[in-house]
PDB file of N, CA and C in Angstrom:
ATOM      1  N   MET A   1    -133.318 142.690 -40.761  1.00  0.00           N
ATOM      2  CA  MET A   1    -133.670 142.545 -42.155  1.00  0.00           C
ATOM      3  C   MET A   1    -133.319 141.140 -42.629  1.00  0.00           C
ATOM      4  N   PRO A   2    -134.254 140.465 -43.260  1.00  0.00           N
ATOM      5  CA  PRO A   2    -133.957 139.121 -43.744  1.00  0.00           C
ATOM      6  C   PRO A   2    -132.931 139.129 -44.878  1.00  0.00           C
ATOM      7  N   ASN A   3    -132.196 138.066 -44.949  1.00  0.00           N
ATOM      8  CA  ASN A   3    -131.238 137.884 -46.023  1.00  0.00           C
ATOM      9  C   ASN A   3    -132.006 137.736 -47.338  1.00  0.00           C
ATOM     10  N   GLU A   4    -131.462 138.249 -48.449  1.00  0.00           N
ATOM     11  CA  GLU A   4    -132.159 138.181 -49.732  1.00  0.00           C
ATOM     12  C   GLU A   4    -132.369 136.745 -50.186  1.00  0.00           C
ATOM     13  N   ASN A   5    -131.472 135.843 -49.825  1.00  0.00           N
ATOM     14  CA  ASN A   5    -131.567 134.445 -50.247  1.00  0.00           C
ATOM     15  C   ASN A   5    -132.305 133.575 -49.232  1.00  0.00           C
ATOM     16  N   TYR A   6    -132.899 134.200 -48.259  1.00  0.00           N
ATOM     17  CA  TYR A   6    -133.561 133.460 -47.186  1.00  0.00           C
ATOM     18  C   TYR A   6    -134.923 132.975 -47.662  1.00  0.00           C
ATOM     19  N   ASN A   7    -135.132 131.668 -47.624  1.00  0.00           N
ATOM     20  CA  ASN A   7    -136.404 131.085 -48.046  1.00  0.00           C
ATOM     21  C   ASN A   7    -137.080 130.421 -46.858  1.00  0.00           C
ATOM     22  N   ILE A   8    -138.337 130.739 -46.664  1.00  0.00           N
ATOM     23  CA  ILE A   8    -139.095 130.160 -45.557  1.00  0.00           C
ATOM     24  C   ILE A   8    -139.663 128.820 -46.000  1.00  0.00           C
ATOM     25  N   ASP A   9    -139.484 127.819 -45.174  1.00  0.00           N
ATOM     26  CA  ASP A   9    -140.049 126.494 -45.419  1.00  0.00           C
ATOM     27  C   ASP A   9    -141.472 126.492 -44.866  1.00  0.00           C
ATOM     28  N   PHE A  10    -142.448 126.613 -45.751  1.00  0.00           N
ATOM     29  CA  PHE A  10    -143.830 126.729 -45.307  1.00  0.00           C
ATOM     30  C   PHE A  10    -144.384 125.418 -44.747  1.00  0.00           C
ATOM     31  N   VAL A  11    -143.793 124.298 -45.125  1.00  0.00           N
ATOM     32  CA  VAL A  11    -144.198 123.017 -44.520  1.00  0.00           C
ATOM     33  C   VAL A  11    -143.829 123.034 -43.041  1.00  0.00           C
ATOM     34  N   LEU A  12    -142.666 123.569 -42.748  1.00  0.00           N
ATOM     35  CA  LEU A  12    -142.214 123.710 -41.367  1.00  0.00           C
ATOM     36  C   LEU A  12    -143.155 124.640 -40.593  1.00  0.00           C
ATOM     37  N   VAL A  13    -143.538 125.735 -41.206  1.00  0.00           N
ATOM     38  CA  VAL A  13    -144.449 126.684 -40.564  1.00  0.00           C
ATOM     39  C   VAL A  13    -145.795 126.026 -40.292  1.00  0.00           C
ATOM     40  N   ARG A  14    -146.312 125.271 -41.243  1.00  0.00           N
ATOM     41  CA  ARG A  14    -147.596 124.592 -41.062  1.00  0.00           C
ATOM     42  C   ARG A  14    -147.524 123.556 -39.941  1.00  0.00           C
ATOM     43  N   ALA A  15    -146.418 122.825 -39.876  1.00  0.00           N
ATOM     44  CA  ALA A  15    -146.257 121.826 -38.816  1.00  0.00           C
ATOM     45  C   ALA A  15    -146.249 122.498 -37.447  1.00  0.00           C
ATOM     46  N   MET A  16    -145.603 123.656 -37.339  1.00  0.00           N
ATOM     47  CA  MET A  16    -145.594 124.369 -36.062  1.00  0.00           C
ATOM     48  C   MET A  16    -146.997 124.871 -35.718  1.00  0.00           C
ATOM     49  N   ALA A  17    -147.739 125.330 -36.719  1.00  0.00           N
ATOM     50  CA  ALA A  17    -149.106 125.788 -36.471  1.00  0.00           C
ATOM     51  C   ALA A  17    -149.969 124.637 -35.949  1.00  0.00           C
ATOM     52  N   GLU A  18    -149.760 123.441 -36.469  1.00  0.00           N
ATOM     53  CA  GLU A  18    -150.491 122.276 -35.972  1.00  0.00           C
ATOM     54  C   GLU A  18    -150.105 121.980 -34.528  1.00  0.00           C
ATOM     55  N   ALA A  19    -148.827 122.156 -34.207  1.00  0.00           N
ATOM     56  CA  ALA A  19    -148.390 121.962 -32.822  1.00  0.00           C
ATOM     57  C   ALA A  19    -149.030 123.003 -31.905  1.00  0.00           C
ATOM     58  N   PHE A  20    -149.241 124.228 -32.417  1.00  0.00           N
ATOM     59  CA  PHE A  20    -149.923 125.273 -31.633  1.00  0.00           C
ATOM     60  C   PHE A  20    -151.337 124.838 -31.304  1.00  0.00           C
ATOM     61  N   ALA A  21    -152.013 124.272 -32.295  1.00  0.00           N
ATOM     62  CA  ALA A  21    -153.404 123.859 -32.086  1.00  0.00           C
ATOM     63  C   ALA A  21    -153.497 122.809 -30.987  1.00  0.00           C
ATOM     64  N   GLU A  22    -152.577 121.859 -31.002  1.00  0.00           N
ATOM     65  CA  GLU A  22    -152.592 120.813 -29.978  1.00  0.00           C
ATOM     66  C   GLU A  22    -152.279 121.386 -28.595  1.00  0.00           C
ATOM     67  N   GLU A  23    -151.305 122.273 -28.530  1.00  0.00           N
ATOM     68  CA  GLU A  23    -150.947 122.887 -27.250  1.00  0.00           C
ATOM     69  C   GLU A  23    -152.096 123.749 -26.733  1.00  0.00           C
ATOM     70  N   THR A  24    -152.785 124.443 -27.646  1.00  0.00           N
ATOM     71  CA  THR A  24    -153.934 125.261 -27.263  1.00  0.00           C
ATOM     72  C   THR A  24    -155.050 124.383 -26.706  1.00  0.00           C
ATOM     73  N   PHE A  25    -155.281 123.214 -27.335  1.00  0.00           N
ATOM     74  CA  PHE A  25    -156.290 122.283 -26.833  1.00  0.00           C
ATOM     75  C   PHE A  25    -155.934 121.835 -25.421  1.00  0.00           C
ATOM     76  N   ASP A  26    -154.650 121.540 -25.186  1.00  0.00           N
ATOM     77  CA  ASP A  26    -154.206 121.144 -23.851  1.00  0.00           C
ATOM     78  C   ASP A  26    -154.447 122.264 -22.841  1.00  0.00           C
ATOM     79  N   CYS A  27    -154.197 123.510 -23.259  1.00  0.00           N
ATOM     80  CA  CYS A  27    -154.442 124.659 -22.370  1.00  0.00           C
ATOM     81  C   CYS A  27    -155.924 124.733 -21.986  1.00  0.00           C
ATOM     82  N   GLU A  28    -156.795 124.588 -22.975  1.00  0.00           N
ATOM     83  CA  GLU A  28    -158.231 124.667 -22.709  1.00  0.00           C
ATOM     84  C   GLU A  28    -158.690 123.531 -21.792  1.00  0.00           C
ATOM     85  N   LYS A  29    -158.141 122.340 -22.020  1.00  0.00           N
ATOM     86  CA  LYS A  29    -158.504 121.185 -21.199  1.00  0.00           C
ATOM     87  C   LYS A  29    -158.091 121.402 -19.744  1.00  0.00           C
ATOM     88  N   VAL A  30    -156.868 121.868 -19.530  1.00  0.00           N
ATOM     89  CA  VAL A  30    -156.369 122.086 -18.170  1.00  0.00           C
ATOM     90  C   VAL A  30    -157.108 123.256 -17.507  1.00  0.00           C
ATOM     91  N   ARG A  31    -157.431 124.287 -18.290  1.00  0.00           N
ATOM     92  CA  ARG A  31    -158.186 125.410 -17.727  1.00  0.00           C
ATOM     93  C   ARG A  31    -159.560 124.932 -17.244  1.00  0.00           C
ATOM     94  N   GLY A  32    -160.200 124.044 -18.002  1.00  0.00           N
ATOM     95  CA  GLY A  32    -161.478 123.477 -17.574  1.00  0.00           C
ATOM     96  C   GLY A  32    -161.342 122.700 -16.273  1.00  0.00           C
ATOM     97  N   LEU A  33    -160.273 121.910 -16.165  1.00  0.00           N
ATOM     98  CA  LEU A  33    -160.027 121.169 -14.928  1.00  0.00           C
ATOM     99  C   LEU A  33    -159.777 122.127 -13.765  1.00  0.00           C
ATOM    100  N   MET A  34    -159.040 123.195 -14.032  1.00  0.00           N
ATOM    101  CA  MET A  34    -158.734 124.165 -12.990  1.00  0.00           C
ATOM    102  C   MET A  34    -160.012 124.834 -12.481  1.00  0.00           C
ATOM    103  N   ASN A  35    -160.915 125.133 -13.394  1.00  0.00           N
ATOM    104  CA  ASN A  35    -162.150 125.827 -13.012  1.00  0.00           C
ATOM    105  C   ASN A  35    -163.149 124.926 -12.280  1.00  0.00           C
ATOM    106  N   THR A  36    -162.965 123.625 -12.380  1.00  0.00           N
ATOM    107  CA  THR A  36    -163.913 122.712 -11.736  1.00  0.00           C
ATOM    108  C   THR A  36    -163.377 122.083 -10.452  1.00  0.00           C
ATOM    109  N   THR A  37    -162.192 122.500 -10.030  1.00  0.00           N
ATOM    110  CA  THR A  37    -161.608 121.937  -8.814  1.00  0.00           C
ATOM    111  C   THR A  37    -161.351 123.045  -7.794  1.00  0.00           C
ATOM    112  N   THR A  38    -160.948 122.630  -6.598  1.00  0.00           N
ATOM    113  CA  THR A  38    -160.667 123.600  -5.540  1.00  0.00           C
ATOM    114  C   THR A  38    -159.370 123.235  -4.824  1.00  0.00           C
ATOM    115  N   ASP A  39    -158.908 124.153  -3.990  1.00  0.00           N
ATOM    116  CA  ASP A  39    -157.764 123.971  -3.096  1.00  0.00           C
ATOM    117  C   ASP A  39    -156.497 123.539  -3.815  1.00  0.00           C
ATOM    118  N   GLU A  40    -155.812 122.503  -3.273  1.00  0.00           N
ATOM    119  CA  GLU A  40    -154.524 122.087  -3.816  1.00  0.00           C
ATOM    120  C   GLU A  40    -154.638 121.575  -5.245  1.00  0.00           C
ATOM    121  N   THR A  41    -155.739 120.899  -5.529  1.00  0.00           N
ATOM    122  CA  THR A  41    -155.919 120.369  -6.884  1.00  0.00           C
ATOM    123  C   THR A  41    -156.012 121.510  -7.885  1.00  0.00           C
ATOM    124  N   GLN A  42    -156.724 122.560  -7.531  1.00  0.00           N
ATOM    125  CA  GLN A  42    -156.831 123.718  -8.411  1.00  0.00           C
ATOM    126  C   GLN A  42    -155.463 124.373  -8.607  1.00  0.00           C
ATOM    127  N   THR A  43    -154.686 124.440  -7.551  1.00  0.00           N
ATOM    128  CA  THR A  43    -153.344 125.022  -7.644  1.00  0.00           C
ATOM    129  C   THR A  43    -152.469 124.186  -8.576  1.00  0.00           C
ATOM    130  N   GLU A  44    -152.563 122.869  -8.474  1.00  0.00           N
ATOM    131  CA  GLU A  44    -151.790 121.994  -9.358  1.00  0.00           C
ATOM    132  C   GLU A  44    -152.202 122.180 -10.812  1.00  0.00           C
ATOM    133  N   HIS A  45    -153.512 122.283 -11.056  1.00  0.00           N
ATOM    134  CA  HIS A  45    -153.985 122.514 -12.429  1.00  0.00           C
ATOM    135  C   HIS A  45    -153.541 123.884 -12.934  1.00  0.00           C
ATOM    136  N   ARG A  46    -153.511 124.878 -12.070  1.00  0.00           N
ATOM    137  CA  ARG A  46    -153.063 126.217 -12.461  1.00  0.00           C
ATOM    138  C   ARG A  46    -151.588 126.178 -12.867  1.00  0.00           C
ATOM    139  N   LEU A  47    -150.775 125.437 -12.118  1.00  0.00           N
ATOM    140  CA  LEU A  47    -149.355 125.302 -12.472  1.00  0.00           C
ATOM    141  C   LEU A  47    -149.192 124.588 -13.812  1.00  0.00           C
ATOM    142  N   ALA A  48    -150.005 123.553 -14.033  1.00  0.00           N
ATOM    143  CA  ALA A  48    -149.951 122.839 -15.318  1.00  0.00           C
ATOM    144  C   ALA A  48    -150.370 123.764 -16.455  1.00  0.00           C
ATOM    145  N   LEU A  49    -151.394 124.580 -16.227  1.00  0.00           N
ATOM    146  CA  LEU A  49    -151.840 125.534 -17.244  1.00  0.00           C
ATOM    147  C   LEU A  49    -150.729 126.536 -17.559  1.00  0.00           C
ATOM    148  N   ASN A  50    -150.073 127.056 -16.524  1.00  0.00           N
ATOM    149  CA  ASN A  50    -148.972 127.992 -16.747  1.00  0.00           C
ATOM    150  C   ASN A  50    -147.860 127.347 -17.574  1.00  0.00           C
ATOM    151  N   ASP A  51    -147.585 126.068 -17.329  1.00  0.00           N
ATOM    152  CA  ASP A  51    -146.572 125.349 -18.093  1.00  0.00           C
ATOM    153  C   ASP A  51    -146.976 125.242 -19.562  1.00  0.00           C
ATOM    154  N   HIS A  52    -148.244 124.871 -19.806  1.00  0.00           N
ATOM    155  CA  HIS A  52    -148.735 124.772 -21.190  1.00  0.00           C
ATOM    156  C   HIS A  52    -148.682 126.135 -21.883  1.00  0.00           C
ATOM    157  N   LEU A  53    -149.070 127.181 -21.184  1.00  0.00           N
ATOM    158  CA  LEU A  53    -149.042 128.520 -21.776  1.00  0.00           C
ATOM    159  C   LEU A  53    -147.614 128.945 -22.106  1.00  0.00           C
ATOM    160  N   TRP A  54    -146.670 128.622 -21.212  1.00  0.00           N
ATOM    161  CA  TRP A  54    -145.285 128.970 -21.475  1.00  0.00           C
ATOM    162  C   TRP A  54    -144.781 128.259 -22.724  1.00  0.00           C
ATOM    163  N   ARG A  55    -145.098 126.955 -22.851  1.00  0.00           N
ATOM    164  CA  ARG A  55    -144.663 126.205 -24.029  1.00  0.00           C
ATOM    165  C   ARG A  55    -145.264 126.779 -25.304  1.00  0.00           C
ATOM    166  N   LEU A  56    -146.540 127.164 -25.241  1.00  0.00           N
ATOM    167  CA  LEU A  56    -147.196 127.749 -26.408  1.00  0.00           C
ATOM    168  C   LEU A  56    -146.523 129.071 -26.787  1.00  0.00           C
ATOM    169  N   GLN A  57    -146.259 129.913 -25.812  1.00  0.00           N
ATOM    170  CA  GLN A  57    -145.595 131.189 -26.091  1.00  0.00           C
ATOM    171  C   GLN A  57    -144.196 130.974 -26.655  1.00  0.00           C
ATOM    172  N   ASP A  58    -143.481 129.973 -26.143  1.00  0.00           N
ATOM    173  CA  ASP A  58    -142.144 129.675 -26.630  1.00  0.00           C
ATOM    174  C   ASP A  58    -142.181 129.262 -28.097  1.00  0.00           C
ATOM    175  N   LYS A  59    -143.132 128.392 -28.451  1.00  0.00           N
ATOM    176  CA  LYS A  59    -143.255 127.937 -29.840  1.00  0.00           C
ATOM    177  C   LYS A  59    -143.608 129.100 -30.763  1.00  0.00           C
ATOM    178  N   ILE A  60    -144.532 129.945 -30.327  1.00  0.00           N
ATOM    179  CA  ILE A  60    -144.927 131.087 -31.144  1.00  0.00           C
ATOM    180  C   ILE A  60    -143.740 132.031 -31.333  1.00  0.00           C
ATOM    181  N   GLY A  61    -142.986 132.261 -30.274  1.00  0.00           N
ATOM    182  CA  GLY A  61    -141.815 133.133 -30.370  1.00  0.00           C
ATOM    183  C   GLY A  61    -140.779 132.601 -31.337  1.00  0.00           C
ATOM    184  N   LYS A  62    -140.507 131.309 -31.280  1.00  0.00           N
ATOM    185  CA  LYS A  62    -139.530 130.717 -32.201  1.00  0.00           C
ATOM    186  C   LYS A  62    -140.006 130.825 -33.644  1.00  0.00           C
ATOM    187  N   LEU A  63    -141.287 130.544 -33.853  1.00  0.00           N
ATOM    188  CA  LEU A  63    -141.818 130.632 -35.211  1.00  0.00           C
ATOM    189  C   LEU A  63    -141.768 132.071 -35.715  1.00  0.00           C
ATOM    190  N   TRP A  64    -142.081 133.018 -34.858  1.00  0.00           N
ATOM    191  CA  TRP A  64    -142.041 134.429 -35.246  1.00  0.00           C
ATOM    192  C   TRP A  64    -140.628 134.828 -35.660  1.00  0.00           C
ATOM    193  N   MET A  65    -139.630 134.419 -34.902  1.00  0.00           N
ATOM    194  CA  MET A  65    -138.255 134.749 -35.249  1.00  0.00           C
ATOM    195  C   MET A  65    -137.857 134.107 -36.577  1.00  0.00           C
ATOM    196  N   TYR A  66    -138.308 132.875 -36.802  1.00  0.00           N
ATOM    197  CA  TYR A  66    -137.984 132.174 -38.047  1.00  0.00           C
ATOM    198  C   TYR A  66    -138.621 132.884 -39.239  1.00  0.00           C
ATOM    199  N   VAL A  67    -139.904 133.192 -39.126  1.00  0.00           N
ATOM    200  CA  VAL A  67    -140.616 133.836 -40.223  1.00  0.00           C
ATOM    201  C   VAL A  67    -140.095 135.254 -40.454  1.00  0.00           C
ATOM    202  N   SER A  68    -139.611 135.889 -39.398  1.00  0.00           N
ATOM    203  CA  SER A  68    -139.079 137.248 -39.519  1.00  0.00           C
ATOM    204  C   SER A  68    -137.735 137.286 -40.236  1.00  0.00           C
ATOM    205  N   GLY A  69    -137.145 136.142 -40.470  1.00  0.00           N
ATOM    206  CA  GLY A  69    -135.915 136.121 -41.250  1.00  0.00           C
ATOM    207  C   GLY A  69    -134.690 135.656 -40.511  1.00  0.00           C
ATOM    208  N   SER A  70    -134.844 135.143 -39.330  1.00  0.00           N
ATOM    209  CA  SER A  70    -133.695 134.660 -38.586  1.00  0.00           C
ATOM    210  C   SER A  70    -133.488 133.186 -38.893  1.00  0.00           C
ATOM    211  N   GLY A  71    -132.634 132.898 -39.851  1.00  0.00           N
ATOM    212  CA  GLY A  71    -132.365 131.520 -40.249  1.00  0.00           C
ATOM    213  C   GLY A  71    -131.758 130.688 -39.144  1.00  0.00           C
ATOM    214  N   ASP A  72    -131.196 131.348 -38.145  1.00  0.00           N
ATOM    215  CA  ASP A  72    -130.599 130.621 -37.020  1.00  0.00           C
ATOM    216  C   ASP A  72    -131.646 129.811 -36.263  1.00  0.00           C
ATOM    217  N   PHE A  73    -132.902 130.203 -36.360  1.00  0.00           N
ATOM    218  CA  PHE A  73    -133.950 129.514 -35.618  1.00  0.00           C
ATOM    219  C   PHE A  73    -134.468 128.278 -36.343  1.00  0.00           C
ATOM    220  N   GLU A  74    -134.065 128.067 -37.593  1.00  0.00           N
ATOM    221  CA  GLU A  74    -134.569 126.927 -38.345  1.00  0.00           C
ATOM    222  C   GLU A  74    -134.220 125.602 -37.657  1.00  0.00           C
ATOM    223  N   THR A  75    -132.999 125.481 -37.154  1.00  0.00           N
ATOM    224  CA  THR A  75    -132.619 124.235 -36.485  1.00  0.00           C
ATOM    225  C   THR A  75    -133.417 124.049 -35.201  1.00  0.00           C
ATOM    226  N   LEU A  76    -133.673 125.139 -34.467  1.00  0.00           N
ATOM    227  CA  LEU A  76    -134.491 125.031 -33.257  1.00  0.00           C
ATOM    228  C   LEU A  76    -135.896 124.559 -33.589  1.00  0.00           C
ATOM    229  N   LEU A  77    -136.460 125.103 -34.670  1.00  0.00           N
ATOM    230  CA  LEU A  77    -137.807 124.700 -35.066  1.00  0.00           C
ATOM    231  C   LEU A  77    -137.841 123.248 -35.511  1.00  0.00           C
ATOM    232  N   ASN A  78    -136.827 122.833 -36.263  1.00  0.00           N
ATOM    233  CA  ASN A  78    -136.780 121.431 -36.692  1.00  0.00           C
ATOM    234  C   ASN A  78    -136.713 120.500 -35.485  1.00  0.00           C
ATOM    235  N   ASP A  79    -135.918 120.866 -34.486  1.00  0.00           N
ATOM    236  CA  ASP A  79    -135.837 120.071 -33.266  1.00  0.00           C
ATOM    237  C   ASP A  79    -137.184 120.045 -32.543  1.00  0.00           C
ATOM    238  N   GLN A  80    -137.841 121.208 -32.495  1.00  0.00           N
ATOM    239  CA  GLN A  80    -139.144 121.306 -31.830  1.00  0.00           C
ATOM    240  C   GLN A  80    -140.176 120.435 -32.543  1.00  0.00           C
ATOM    241  N   ILE A  81    -140.196 120.486 -33.865  1.00  0.00           N
ATOM    242  CA  ILE A  81    -141.162 119.708 -34.633  1.00  0.00           C
ATOM    243  C   ILE A  81    -140.887 118.218 -34.467  1.00  0.00           C
ATOM    244  N   LYS A  82    -139.620 117.837 -34.482  1.00  0.00           N
ATOM    245  CA  LYS A  82    -139.271 116.427 -34.281  1.00  0.00           C
ATOM    246  C   LYS A  82    -139.798 115.957 -32.924  1.00  0.00           C
ATOM    247  N   HIS A  83    -139.602 116.787 -31.907  1.00  0.00           N
ATOM    248  CA  HIS A  83    -140.096 116.454 -30.573  1.00  0.00           C
ATOM    249  C   HIS A  83    -141.623 116.348 -30.572  1.00  0.00           C
ATOM    250  N   GLU A  84    -142.305 117.282 -31.235  1.00  0.00           N
ATOM    251  CA  GLU A  84    -143.771 117.260 -31.293  1.00  0.00           C
ATOM    252  C   GLU A  84    -144.266 115.992 -31.993  1.00  0.00           C
ATOM    253  N   LYS A  85    -143.614 115.614 -33.083  1.00  0.00           N
ATOM    254  CA  LYS A  85    -144.012 114.407 -33.812  1.00  0.00           C
ATOM    255  C   LYS A  85    -143.819 113.163 -32.951  1.00  0.00           C
ATOM    256  N   GLU A  86    -142.706 113.110 -32.219  1.00  0.00           N
ATOM    257  CA  GLU A  86    -142.463 111.961 -31.336  1.00  0.00           C
ATOM    258  C   GLU A  86    -143.528 111.881 -30.245  1.00  0.00           C
ATOM    259  N   GLU A  87    -143.886 113.033 -29.668  1.00  0.00           N
ATOM    260  CA  GLU A  87    -144.931 113.061 -28.637  1.00  0.00           C
ATOM    261  C   GLU A  87    -146.261 112.598 -29.203  1.00  0.00           C
ATOM    262  N   LEU A  88    -146.599 113.050 -30.411  1.00  0.00           N
ATOM    263  CA  LEU A  88    -147.849 112.661 -31.045  1.00  0.00           C
ATOM    264  C   LEU A  88    -147.866 111.154 -31.313  1.00  0.00           C
ATOM    265  N   GLU A  89    -146.755 110.610 -31.797  1.00  0.00           N
ATOM    266  CA  GLU A  89    -146.667 109.172 -32.040  1.00  0.00           C
ATOM    267  C   GLU A  89    -146.819 108.384 -30.739  1.00  0.00           C
ATOM    268  N   LYS A  90    -146.217 108.868 -29.655  1.00  0.00           N
ATOM    269  CA  LYS A  90    -146.364 108.197 -28.360  1.00  0.00           C
ATOM    270  C   LYS A  90    -147.820 108.185 -27.920  1.00  0.00           C
ATOM    271  N   ARG A  91    -148.501 109.319 -28.077  1.00  0.00           N
ATOM    272  CA  ARG A  91    -149.916 109.384 -27.700  1.00  0.00           C
ATOM    273  C   ARG A  91    -150.758 108.440 -28.540  1.00  0.00           C
ATOM    274  N   GLN A  92    -150.488 108.428 -29.862  1.00  0.00           N
ATOM    275  CA  GLN A  92    -151.248 107.552 -30.740  1.00  0.00           C
ATOM    276  C   GLN A  92    -151.007 106.089 -30.397  1.00  0.00           C
ATOM    277  N   ASN A  93    -149.762 105.726 -30.093  1.00  0.00           N
ATOM    278  CA  ASN A  93    -149.457 104.345 -29.708  1.00  0.00           C
ATOM    279  C   ASN A  93    -150.137 103.978 -28.397  1.00  0.00           C
ATOM    280  N   ALA A  94    -150.147 104.906 -27.446  1.00  0.00           N
ATOM    281  CA  ALA A  94    -150.812 104.654 -26.171  1.00  0.00           C
ATOM    282  C   ALA A  94    -152.311 104.472 -26.374  1.00  0.00           C
ATOM    283  N   GLU A  95    -152.909 105.288 -27.247  1.00  0.00           N
ATOM    284  CA  GLU A  95    -154.339 105.156 -27.524  1.00  0.00           C
ATOM    285  C   GLU A  95    -154.642 103.811 -28.174  1.00  0.00           C
ATOM    286  N   LYS A  96    -153.760 103.346 -29.085  1.00  0.00           N
ATOM    287  CA  LYS A  96    -153.959 102.040 -29.725  1.00  0.00           C
ATOM    288  C   LYS A  96    -153.915 100.918 -28.692  1.00  0.00           C
ATOM    289  N   VAL A  97    -152.957 101.005 -27.775  1.00  0.00           N
ATOM    290  CA  VAL A  97    -152.835  99.982 -26.736  1.00  0.00           C
ATOM    291  C   VAL A  97    -154.101  99.974 -25.866  1.00  0.00           C
ATOM    292  N   ILE A  98    -154.584 101.152 -25.512  1.00  0.00           N
ATOM    293  CA  ILE A  98    -155.798 101.240 -24.698  1.00  0.00           C
ATOM    294  C   ILE A  98    -156.978 100.640 -25.441  1.00  0.00           C
ATOM    295  N   GLU A  99    -157.102 100.936 -26.724  1.00  0.00           N
ATOM    296  CA  GLU A  99    -158.194 100.371 -27.520  1.00  0.00           C
ATOM    297  C   GLU A  99    -158.093  98.851 -27.607  1.00  0.00           C
ATOM    298  N   GLU A 100    -156.869  98.344 -27.797  1.00  0.00           N
ATOM    299  CA  GLU A 100    -156.673  96.894 -27.884  1.00  0.00           C
ATOM    300  C   GLU A 100    -157.027  96.215 -26.564  1.00  0.00           C
ATOM    301  N   VAL A 101    -156.617  96.810 -25.461  1.00  0.00           N
ATOM    302  CA  VAL A 101    -156.941  96.247 -24.154  1.00  0.00           C
ATOM    303  C   VAL A 101    -158.447  96.277 -23.934  1.00  0.00           C
ATOM    304  N   ALA A 102    -159.092  97.364 -24.334  1.00  0.00           N
ATOM    305  CA  ALA A 102    -160.536  97.471 -24.182  1.00  0.00           C
ATOM    306  C   ALA A 102    -161.253  96.413 -25.029  1.00  0.00           C
ATOM    307  N   GLU A 103    -160.760  96.165 -26.245  1.00  0.00           N
ATOM    308  CA  GLU A 103    -161.356  95.143 -27.095  1.00  0.00           C
ATOM    309  C   GLU A 103    -161.209  93.760 -26.473  1.00  0.00           C
ATOM    310  N   ILE A 104    -160.021  93.466 -25.969  1.00  0.00           N
ATOM    311  CA  ILE A 104    -159.768  92.160 -25.345  1.00  0.00           C
ATOM    312  C   ILE A 104    -160.670  91.998 -24.125  1.00  0.00           C
ATOM    313  N   THR A 105    -160.804  93.046 -23.347  1.00  0.00           N
ATOM    314  CA  THR A 105    -161.635  92.978 -22.155  1.00  0.00           C
ATOM    315  C   THR A 105    -163.096  92.758 -22.502  1.00  0.00           C
ATOM    316  N   LEU A 106    -163.571  93.418 -23.565  1.00  0.00           N
ATOM    317  CA  LEU A 106    -164.973  93.267 -23.975  1.00  0.00           C
ATOM    318  C   LEU A 106    -165.264  91.883 -24.535  1.00  0.00           C
ATOM    319  N   THR A 107    -164.297  91.262 -25.200  1.00  0.00           N
ATOM    320  CA  THR A 107    -164.531  89.949 -25.794  1.00  0.00           C
ATOM    321  C   THR A 107    -164.465  88.823 -24.774  1.00  0.00           C
ATOM    322  N   GLU A 108    -163.853  89.101 -23.633  1.00  0.00           N
ATOM    323  CA  GLU A 108    -163.734  88.030 -22.627  1.00  0.00           C
ATOM    324  C   GLU A 108    -164.947  87.900 -21.770  1.00  0.00           C
TER     325      GLU A 108
END
C-alpha cells in the first residue's frame, strides 16, 4: 500500500517512458539484424537482443515499483534516467562529430 504522502513525479515517469521507446527501437533494430544474418553473426545478434530485452524489462520493473508506491525506487530511477541522458548526449555528440567530418570531407 502506498504511503498517503507519497507523490509520484510524473516528469520522472515520462523520462523513463522515453527511455523505453529508445530501448524498444534498439530491440527492433537488433532483431532485424538477427533475422537477416546466419551462423555466428546471428547468434551474436541474438545475444545483443537478449541484452536489450533484459534492460527494457529491468526499466519497466523499476518504473512499475515506483508507480506502485515504493518510494525506495525513486533514487534508482533517478540514477537510471541520469545514465540514459548521458548515453543520449554521447550519441548526439558522436552524430555531430560524424556530420562535421562528413561536411569537411565533402568540401575538400
